[in-house]
C-alpha atoms as a PDB file:
ATOM      1  CA  MET A   1      14.139 230.498  54.102  1.00  0.00           C
ATOM      2  CA  ARG A   2      16.313 227.978  55.228  1.00  0.00           C
ATOM      3  CA  ALA A   3      14.858 224.567  56.264  1.00  0.00           C
ATOM      4  CA  ALA A   4      15.644 223.607  59.651  1.00  0.00           C
ATOM      5  CA  THR A   5      17.497 220.669  59.898  1.00  0.00           C
ATOM      6  CA  SER A   6      16.138 217.782  62.431  1.00  0.00           C
ATOM      7  CA  PRO A   7      18.849 215.205  64.469  1.00  0.00           C
ATOM      8  CA  VAL A   8      18.551 212.453  62.651  1.00  0.00           C
ATOM      9  CA  THR A   9      16.830 209.429  65.307  1.00  0.00           C
ATOM     10  CA  PRO A  10      17.545 206.023  65.467  1.00  0.00           C
ATOM     11  CA  LEU A  11      15.674 203.850  64.518  1.00  0.00           C
ATOM     12  CA  LYS A  12      17.497 201.071  66.661  1.00  0.00           C
ATOM     13  CA  TYR A  13      20.464 200.395  68.907  1.00  0.00           C
ATOM     14  CA  VAL A  14      22.721 196.975  67.780  1.00  0.00           C
ATOM     15  CA  VAL A  15      25.414 195.521  69.728  1.00  0.00           C
ATOM     16  CA  GLY A  16      27.812 193.475  67.461  1.00  0.00           C
ATOM     17  CA  ILE A  17      29.736 191.327  70.094  1.00  0.00           C
ATOM     18  CA  ASP A  18      32.535 188.889  68.536  1.00  0.00           C
ATOM     19  CA  ILE A  19      33.457 186.085  71.946  1.00  0.00           C
ATOM     20  CA  ALA A  20      36.029 184.532  72.751  1.00  0.00           C
ATOM     21  CA  LYS A  21      37.502 182.201  75.975  1.00  0.00           C
ATOM     22  CA  ASP A  22      38.672 185.061  78.125  1.00  0.00           C
ATOM     23  CA  THR A  23      37.359 188.197  76.408  1.00  0.00           C
ATOM     24  CA  PHE A  24      34.836 189.492  73.840  1.00  0.00           C
ATOM     25  CA  VAL A  25      34.640 192.993  71.725  1.00  0.00           C
ATOM     26  CA  ALA A  26      31.533 195.026  71.671  1.00  0.00           C
ATOM     27  CA  CYS A  27      30.868 197.022  68.592  1.00  0.00           C
ATOM     28  CA  PHE A  28      27.668 199.472  69.443  1.00  0.00           C
ATOM     29  CA  GLY A  29      25.956 201.067  65.983  1.00  0.00           C
ATOM     30  CA  HIS A  30      23.173 202.454  64.840  1.00  0.00           C
ATOM     31  CA  ILE A  31      20.759 203.103  61.719  1.00  0.00           C
ATOM     32  CA  ASP A  32      18.673 206.193  61.700  1.00  0.00           C
ATOM     33  CA  THR A  33      15.812 207.270  59.923  1.00  0.00           C
ATOM     34  CA  SER A  34      17.181 208.297  56.481  1.00  0.00           C
ATOM     35  CA  GLN A  35      19.096 204.682  56.750  1.00  0.00           C
ATOM     36  CA  HIS A  36      22.290 205.527  57.698  1.00  0.00           C
ATOM     37  CA  LEU A  37      24.808 203.096  59.686  1.00  0.00           C
ATOM     38  CA  SER A  38      26.913 204.600  62.378  1.00  0.00           C
ATOM     39  CA  PHE A  39      29.948 202.414  64.096  1.00  0.00           C
ATOM     40  CA  GLY A  40      31.521 203.079  67.425  1.00  0.00           C
ATOM     41  CA  LYS A  41      34.558 202.617  68.669  1.00  0.00           C
ATOM     42  CA  GLU A  42      34.818 198.490  69.427  1.00  0.00           C
ATOM     43  CA  THR A  43      35.628 197.697  72.977  1.00  0.00           C
ATOM     44  CA  THR A  44      37.142 194.916  74.757  1.00  0.00           C
ATOM     45  CA  PHE A  45      35.494 193.600  78.098  1.00  0.00           C
ATOM     46  CA  ALA A  46      36.464 190.385  80.303  1.00  0.00           C
ATOM     47  CA  ASN A  47      33.834 187.304  79.826  1.00  0.00           C
ATOM     48  CA  THR A  48      33.228 187.270  82.995  1.00  0.00           C
ATOM     49  CA  LEU A  49      29.858 188.503  85.282  1.00  0.00           C
ATOM     50  CA  ALA A  50      32.215 192.037  85.984  1.00  0.00           C
ATOM     51  CA  GLY A  51      32.617 191.832  82.054  1.00  0.00           C
ATOM     52  CA  PHE A  52      28.939 191.476  81.206  1.00  0.00           C
ATOM     53  CA  THR A  53      27.553 193.985  83.550  1.00  0.00           C
ATOM     54  CA  ALA A  54      30.351 197.006  82.432  1.00  0.00           C
ATOM     55  CA  LEU A  55      28.553 195.779  78.473  1.00  0.00           C
ATOM     56  CA  LEU A  56      25.660 196.696  80.131  1.00  0.00           C
ATOM     57  CA  VAL A  57      26.809 200.237  81.309  1.00  0.00           C
ATOM     58  CA  TRP A  58      28.988 200.754  78.647  1.00  0.00           C
ATOM     59  CA  THR A  59      25.795 200.456  76.231  1.00  0.00           C
ATOM     60  CA  ALA A  60      23.477 202.386  78.057  1.00  0.00           C
ATOM     61  CA  LYS A  61      26.228 205.455  77.738  1.00  0.00           C
ATOM     62  CA  GLN A  62      26.143 205.251  73.998  1.00  0.00           C
ATOM     63  CA  GLN A  63      22.960 205.629  73.764  1.00  0.00           C
ATOM     64  CA  ARG A  64      21.611 209.117  72.831  1.00  0.00           C
ATOM     65  CA  VAL A  65      17.872 208.632  72.991  1.00  0.00           C
ATOM     66  CA  ALA A  66      15.497 205.997  73.656  1.00  0.00           C
ATOM     67  CA  ALA A  67      15.061 203.601  70.907  1.00  0.00           C
ATOM     68  CA  PRO A  68      15.428 199.600  70.841  1.00  0.00           C
ATOM     69  CA  GLN A  69      18.554 197.828  71.505  1.00  0.00           C
ATOM     70  CA  TRP A  70      19.345 194.574  70.302  1.00  0.00           C
ATOM     71  CA  PHE A  71      22.255 192.084  70.815  1.00  0.00           C
ATOM     72  CA  VAL A  72      24.136 189.868  68.342  1.00  0.00           C
ATOM     73  CA  VAL A  73      26.337 187.325  69.192  1.00  0.00           C
ATOM     74  CA  GLU A  74      27.508 184.078  66.905  1.00  0.00           C
ATOM     75  CA  ALA A  75      27.437 180.736  68.647  1.00  0.00           C
ATOM     76  CA  THR A  76      31.278 180.174  69.323  1.00  0.00           C
ATOM     77  CA  GLY A  77      31.663 176.824  71.025  1.00  0.00           C
ATOM     78  CA  VAL A  78      30.361 177.216  74.445  1.00  0.00           C
ATOM     79  CA  TYR A  79      32.142 180.879  74.806  1.00  0.00           C
ATOM     80  CA  TYR A  80      28.417 182.532  73.902  1.00  0.00           C
ATOM     81  CA  GLU A  81      26.626 180.932  76.757  1.00  0.00           C
ATOM     82  CA  GLU A  82      26.707 182.655  79.679  1.00  0.00           C
ATOM     83  CA  LEU A  83      26.661 186.039  78.285  1.00  0.00           C
ATOM     84  CA  ALA A  84      23.478 185.088  76.296  1.00  0.00           C
ATOM     85  CA  TYR A  85      21.500 183.639  79.349  1.00  0.00           C
ATOM     86  CA  PHE A  86      23.086 186.800  81.823  1.00  0.00           C
ATOM     87  CA  LEU A  87      21.638 189.299  78.485  1.00  0.00           C
ATOM     88  CA  ALA A  88      18.317 187.797  79.020  1.00  0.00           C
ATOM     89  CA  SER A  89      18.094 187.324  82.616  1.00  0.00           C
ATOM     90  CA  ASN A  90      18.399 191.366  82.212  1.00  0.00           C
ATOM     91  CA  GLY A  91      15.930 191.371  79.553  1.00  0.00           C
ATOM     92  CA  GLN A  92      17.712 192.829  76.731  1.00  0.00           C
ATOM     93  CA  ALA A  93      16.618 191.223  72.983  1.00  0.00           C
ATOM     94  CA  LEU A  94      19.153 189.285  71.600  1.00  0.00           C
ATOM     95  CA  SER A  95      19.915 186.781  68.620  1.00  0.00           C
ATOM     96  CA  VAL A  96      22.497 184.621  68.394  1.00  0.00           C
ATOM     97  CA  LEU A  97      23.475 182.974  65.014  1.00  0.00           C
ATOM     98  CA  LEU A  98      25.195 179.957  63.452  1.00  0.00           C
ATOM     99  CA  PRO A  99      28.729 180.442  62.474  1.00  0.00           C
ATOM    100  CA  ASN A 100      27.731 179.745  58.810  1.00  0.00           C
ATOM    101  CA  LYS A 101      25.218 182.422  58.124  1.00  0.00           C
ATOM    102  CA  VAL A 102      27.803 185.099  59.576  1.00  0.00           C
ATOM    103  CA  LYS A 103      30.212 183.591  57.320  1.00  0.00           C
ATOM    104  CA  HIS A 104      27.321 184.129  54.295  1.00  0.00           C
ATOM    105  CA  PHE A 105      26.874 187.659  55.125  1.00  0.00           C
ATOM    106  CA  ALA A 106      30.343 188.266  55.605  1.00  0.00           C
ATOM    107  CA  GLN A 107      31.118 186.814  52.084  1.00  0.00           C
ATOM    108  CA  SER A 108      28.356 189.418  50.653  1.00  0.00           C
ATOM    109  CA  THR A 109      30.161 192.287  52.202  1.00  0.00           C
ATOM    110  CA  GLU A 110      33.535 190.970  50.306  1.00  0.00           C
ATOM    111  CA  GLN A 111      35.103 191.674  54.105  1.00  0.00           C
ATOM    112  CA  LYS A 112      39.059 190.452  53.451  1.00  0.00           C
ATOM    113  CA  SER A 113      40.305 190.652  56.580  1.00  0.00           C
ATOM    114  CA  LYS A 114      39.480 189.087  59.917  1.00  0.00           C
ATOM    115  CA  THR A 115      39.938 190.535  63.606  1.00  0.00           C
ATOM    116  CA  ASP A 116      38.064 190.187  66.421  1.00  0.00           C
ATOM    117  CA  GLN A 117      36.978 194.450  66.074  1.00  0.00           C
ATOM    118  CA  LEU A 118      36.182 193.499  62.430  1.00  0.00           C
ATOM    119  CA  ASP A 119      33.809 190.401  63.666  1.00  0.00           C
ATOM    120  CA  ALA A 120      32.108 192.480  66.426  1.00  0.00           C
ATOM    121  CA  ARG A 121      31.639 195.318  63.820  1.00  0.00           C
ATOM    122  CA  LEU A 122      30.210 192.950  60.913  1.00  0.00           C
ATOM    123  CA  LEU A 123      27.653 191.679  63.817  1.00  0.00           C
ATOM    124  CA  CYS A 124      26.994 194.538  64.478  1.00  0.00           C
ATOM    125  CA  ARG A 125      25.864 195.321  60.820  1.00  0.00           C
ATOM    126  CA  LEU A 126      24.536 192.083  60.337  1.00  0.00           C
ATOM    127  CA  GLY A 127      22.045 193.657  63.064  1.00  0.00           C
ATOM    128  CA  LEU A 128      21.168 196.538  61.725  1.00  0.00           C
ATOM    129  CA  GLU A 129      20.620 195.391  57.810  1.00  0.00           C
ATOM    130  CA  ARG A 130      18.168 192.599  58.676  1.00  0.00           C
ATOM    131  CA  ALA A 131      15.175 191.305  61.048  1.00  0.00           C
ATOM    132  CA  LEU A 132      16.648 188.666  63.282  1.00  0.00           C
ATOM    133  CA  PRO A 133      15.066 186.138  65.461  1.00  0.00           C
ATOM    134  CA  ALA A 134      14.952 186.447  69.110  1.00  0.00           C
ATOM    135  CA  TRP A 135      17.063 183.649  71.181  1.00  0.00           C
ATOM    136  CA  GLN A 136      15.195 182.203  73.547  1.00  0.00           C
ATOM    137  CA  PRO A 137      17.277 180.327  76.845  1.00  0.00           C
ATOM    138  CA  PRO A 138      16.754 176.643  76.937  1.00  0.00           C
ATOM    139  CA  THR A 139      14.437 175.226  79.974  1.00  0.00           C
ATOM    140  CA  PRO A 140      16.736 174.320  82.815  1.00  0.00           C
ATOM    141  CA  ALA A 141      16.438 170.590  82.693  1.00  0.00           C
ATOM    142  CA  LEU A 142      17.901 171.316  78.657  1.00  0.00           C
ATOM    143  CA  ARG A 143      20.590 173.584  80.280  1.00  0.00           C
ATOM    144  CA  GLN A 144      21.381 170.353  82.456  1.00  0.00           C
ATOM    145  CA  LEU A 145      21.155 167.912  79.783  1.00  0.00           C
ATOM    146  CA  ARG A 146      23.578 170.021  77.928  1.00  0.00           C
ATOM    147  CA  VAL A 147      26.093 170.006  80.200  1.00  0.00           C
ATOM    148  CA  LEU A 148      25.739 165.931  81.223  1.00  0.00           C
ATOM    149  CA  SER A 149      26.180 165.559  76.986  1.00  0.00           C
ATOM    150  CA  ARG A 150      29.037 167.291  76.919  1.00  0.00           C
ATOM    151  CA  GLU A 151      30.461 165.847  80.079  1.00  0.00           C
ATOM    152  CA  ARG A 152      29.672 162.343  78.815  1.00  0.00           C
ATOM    153  CA  GLN A 153      31.351 163.407  75.368  1.00  0.00           C
ATOM    154  CA  SER A 154      34.600 164.563  77.153  1.00  0.00           C
ATOM    155  CA  LEU A 155      34.988 161.111  78.894  1.00  0.00           C
ATOM    156  CA  THR A 156      34.063 159.059  76.220  1.00  0.00           C
ATOM    157  CA  GLN A 157      37.048 161.385  74.224  1.00  0.00           C
ATOM    158  CA  GLN A 158      38.995 160.508  77.461  1.00  0.00           C
ATOM    159  CA  ALA A 159      38.889 156.911  77.576  1.00  0.00           C
ATOM    160  CA  VAL A 160      39.590 156.345  73.343  1.00  0.00           C
ATOM    161  CA  ARG A 161      43.102 158.599  73.908  1.00  0.00           C
ATOM    162  CA  LEU A 162      43.730 156.041  77.294  1.00  0.00           C
ATOM    163  CA  LYS A 163      42.848 152.619  75.569  1.00  0.00           C
ATOM    164  CA  ALA A 164      44.875 153.688  72.627  1.00  0.00           C
ATOM    165  CA  GLN A 165      47.721 154.485  75.014  1.00  0.00           C
ATOM    166  CA  ARG A 166      47.308 151.215  76.640  1.00  0.00           C
ATOM    167  CA  HIS A 167      47.482 149.556  73.095  1.00  0.00           C
ATOM    168  CA  ALA A 168      50.525 151.183  72.357  1.00  0.00           C
END
């Protein structure tokens, strides 16, 4: 008598996101009870509120059964921030990783090529293989302080350029 083959149940879903100024690439993957990693096709979205909403709709369509879902984003300049705040405000679990952590993981995989699609898949794999710390959004006061600090830095750099120009 043959044993019935049971469908493999996902333990968790992960969406790896490689973000840029105008767009971001998302890769949806899952790990199952047999520790097998599966990745879907990468999809590109606009780095806007409409793109963020489309991302949530897309991820909901990818899920076959209920399992925890986690988003993994690399802290790329300021481009990731609006997406991170959007996901957090929509109750989504999220990890924001420093670039050096992602770089070291990439070196351990011996991945030689570097494209947005491969980076999204790499972030997805990292989220599937590791237990990552959850990102907590900063308080509104800290967010405002960051904005003011960046503005001050920009004005200081502009003043240095103008002084050099005037001197020349």
